[in-house]
């Protein structure tokens, strides 16, 4: 029996947040379909604010 592990099972949530912060917005749109957790994280106001501020720098 093969057990599938999700990234969230191996990588701490805080590290996932830092990874997502460094991904270009175009890619984030595609990554929203990776998992419900990633969609929520990418759609969060904190993530949107972070990427919006980066666009203005």
N, C-alpha and C. Protein backbone atom coordinates (compact mmCIF):
# COMPACT_ATOMS: atom_id res chain seq x y z
N UNK A 1 0.84 -1.17 0.00
CA UNK A 1 0.00 0.00 0.00
C UNK A 1 0.89 1.25 0.00
N UNK A 2 0.62 2.14 -0.94
CA UNK A 2 1.41 3.37 -1.06
C UNK A 2 0.73 4.49 -0.28
N UNK A 3 1.49 5.16 0.56
CA UNK A 3 0.96 6.28 1.33
C UNK A 3 1.43 7.57 0.69
N UNK A 4 0.49 8.44 0.36
CA UNK A 4 0.85 9.72 -0.23
C UNK A 4 0.97 10.77 0.86
N UNK A 5 2.06 11.49 0.84
CA UNK A 5 2.26 12.56 1.80
C UNK A 5 2.09 13.90 1.10
N UNK A 6 1.45 14.80 1.77
CA UNK A 6 1.31 16.15 1.24
C UNK A 6 2.50 16.97 1.73
N UNK A 7 2.78 18.05 1.02
CA UNK A 7 3.87 18.91 1.44
C UNK A 7 3.63 19.38 2.87
N UNK A 8 2.38 19.61 3.23
CA UNK A 8 2.07 20.10 4.57
C UNK A 8 2.41 19.06 5.64
N UNK A 9 2.57 17.81 5.24
CA UNK A 9 2.96 16.77 6.19
C UNK A 9 4.47 16.80 6.47
N UNK A 10 5.23 17.38 5.55
CA UNK A 10 6.68 17.36 5.66
C UNK A 10 7.30 18.73 5.94
N UNK A 11 6.64 19.77 5.51
CA UNK A 11 7.20 21.11 5.60
C UNK A 11 6.35 21.93 6.56
N UNK A 12 6.97 22.56 7.54
CA UNK A 12 6.21 23.38 8.49
C UNK A 12 5.44 24.49 7.77
N UNK A 13 4.28 24.82 8.30
CA UNK A 13 3.41 25.82 7.68
C UNK A 13 4.14 27.16 7.51
N UNK A 14 4.91 27.56 8.49
CA UNK A 14 5.63 28.84 8.42
C UNK A 14 6.58 28.87 7.22
N UNK A 15 7.21 27.74 6.94
CA UNK A 15 8.11 27.66 5.80
C UNK A 15 7.32 27.71 4.48
N UNK A 16 6.17 27.08 4.45
CA UNK A 16 5.31 27.16 3.27
C UNK A 16 4.93 28.61 2.99
N UNK A 17 4.62 29.35 4.04
CA UNK A 17 4.26 30.76 3.89
C UNK A 17 5.42 31.53 3.27
N UNK A 18 6.62 31.30 3.76
CA UNK A 18 7.81 31.99 3.24
C UNK A 18 8.08 31.63 1.78
N UNK A 19 7.85 30.39 1.43
CA UNK A 19 8.03 29.95 0.04
C UNK A 19 7.04 30.68 -0.85
N UNK A 20 5.79 30.70 -0.45
CA UNK A 20 4.74 31.32 -1.26
C UNK A 20 4.98 32.83 -1.41
N UNK A 21 5.54 33.45 -0.40
CA UNK A 21 5.84 34.89 -0.48
C UNK A 21 6.86 35.20 -1.57
N UNK A 22 7.68 34.24 -1.92
CA UNK A 22 8.75 34.46 -2.90
C UNK A 22 8.37 34.05 -4.33
N UNK A 23 7.19 33.53 -4.48
CA UNK A 23 6.74 33.07 -5.80
C UNK A 23 6.08 34.24 -6.54
N UNK A 24 6.38 34.39 -7.82
CA UNK A 24 5.74 35.46 -8.61
C UNK A 24 4.21 35.29 -8.65
N UNK A 25 3.52 36.40 -8.75
CA UNK A 25 2.06 36.39 -8.73
C UNK A 25 1.48 35.50 -9.83
N UNK A 26 2.05 35.55 -11.01
CA UNK A 26 1.54 34.71 -12.11
C UNK A 26 1.52 33.24 -11.72
N UNK A 27 2.56 32.80 -11.08
CA UNK A 27 2.63 31.40 -10.66
C UNK A 27 1.65 31.11 -9.52
N UNK A 28 1.45 32.07 -8.64
CA UNK A 28 0.52 31.87 -7.53
C UNK A 28 -0.89 31.56 -8.03
N UNK A 29 -1.27 32.20 -9.10
CA UNK A 29 -2.60 31.94 -9.66
C UNK A 29 -2.74 30.46 -10.01
N UNK A 30 -1.71 29.89 -10.58
CA UNK A 30 -1.74 28.47 -10.92
C UNK A 30 -1.66 27.60 -9.66
N UNK A 31 -0.87 28.02 -8.68
CA UNK A 31 -0.67 27.21 -7.48
C UNK A 31 -1.88 27.16 -6.56
N UNK A 32 -2.88 28.01 -6.82
CA UNK A 32 -4.09 27.98 -6.00
C UNK A 32 -4.78 26.62 -6.09
N UNK A 33 -4.53 25.88 -7.16
CA UNK A 33 -5.18 24.59 -7.34
C UNK A 33 -4.40 23.43 -6.71
N UNK A 34 -3.27 23.71 -6.08
CA UNK A 34 -2.47 22.64 -5.47
C UNK A 34 -3.21 21.98 -4.32
N UNK A 35 -3.77 22.79 -3.44
CA UNK A 35 -4.52 22.25 -2.30
C UNK A 35 -5.42 23.33 -1.72
N UNK A 36 -6.36 22.92 -0.91
CA UNK A 36 -7.25 23.88 -0.25
C UNK A 36 -6.45 24.80 0.67
N UNK A 37 -5.46 24.24 1.34
CA UNK A 37 -4.64 25.03 2.25
C UNK A 37 -3.86 26.11 1.48
N UNK A 38 -3.28 25.74 0.35
CA UNK A 38 -2.53 26.73 -0.45
C UNK A 38 -3.47 27.79 -1.01
N UNK A 39 -4.65 27.38 -1.46
CA UNK A 39 -5.62 28.35 -1.97
C UNK A 39 -5.96 29.36 -0.89
N UNK A 40 -6.23 28.88 0.29
CA UNK A 40 -6.56 29.77 1.40
C UNK A 40 -5.40 30.70 1.72
N UNK A 41 -4.21 30.16 1.72
CA UNK A 41 -3.02 30.95 2.03
C UNK A 41 -2.79 32.02 0.95
N UNK A 42 -2.88 31.62 -0.29
CA UNK A 42 -2.65 32.56 -1.41
C UNK A 42 -3.74 33.62 -1.44
N UNK A 43 -4.97 33.24 -1.13
CA UNK A 43 -6.09 34.19 -1.16
C UNK A 43 -6.18 35.04 0.11
N UNK A 44 -5.36 34.75 1.09
CA UNK A 44 -5.43 35.49 2.35
C UNK A 44 -5.06 36.95 2.15
N UNK A 45 -5.62 37.79 2.97
CA UNK A 45 -5.34 39.23 2.85
C UNK A 45 -3.86 39.52 3.10
N UNK A 46 -3.23 38.76 3.97
CA UNK A 46 -1.80 38.96 4.23
C UNK A 46 -0.97 38.70 2.98
N UNK A 47 -1.26 37.63 2.28
CA UNK A 47 -0.53 37.29 1.06
C UNK A 47 -0.77 38.32 -0.03
N UNK A 48 -2.01 38.73 -0.18
CA UNK A 48 -2.35 39.73 -1.20
C UNK A 48 -1.64 41.04 -0.89
N UNK A 49 -1.66 41.45 0.36
CA UNK A 49 -1.00 42.69 0.77
C UNK A 49 0.50 42.60 0.51
N UNK A 50 1.10 41.49 0.86
CA UNK A 50 2.54 41.30 0.66
C UNK A 50 2.90 41.47 -0.82
N UNK A 51 2.18 40.81 -1.69
CA UNK A 51 2.49 40.87 -3.12
C UNK A 51 2.15 42.24 -3.71
N UNK A 52 1.13 42.89 -3.20
CA UNK A 52 0.78 44.23 -3.66
C UNK A 52 1.89 45.21 -3.31
N UNK A 53 2.41 45.10 -2.09
CA UNK A 53 3.49 45.99 -1.67
C UNK A 53 4.74 45.75 -2.49
N UNK A 54 5.03 44.52 -2.83
CA UNK A 54 6.21 44.21 -3.64
C UNK A 54 6.09 44.82 -5.03
N UNK A 55 4.89 44.87 -5.56
CA UNK A 55 4.68 45.44 -6.89
C UNK A 55 4.96 46.94 -6.92
N UNK A 56 4.84 47.60 -5.77
CA UNK A 56 5.03 49.05 -5.70
C UNK A 56 6.42 49.44 -5.28
N UNK A 57 7.29 48.49 -5.10
CA UNK A 57 8.67 48.79 -4.68
C UNK A 57 9.55 48.94 -5.88
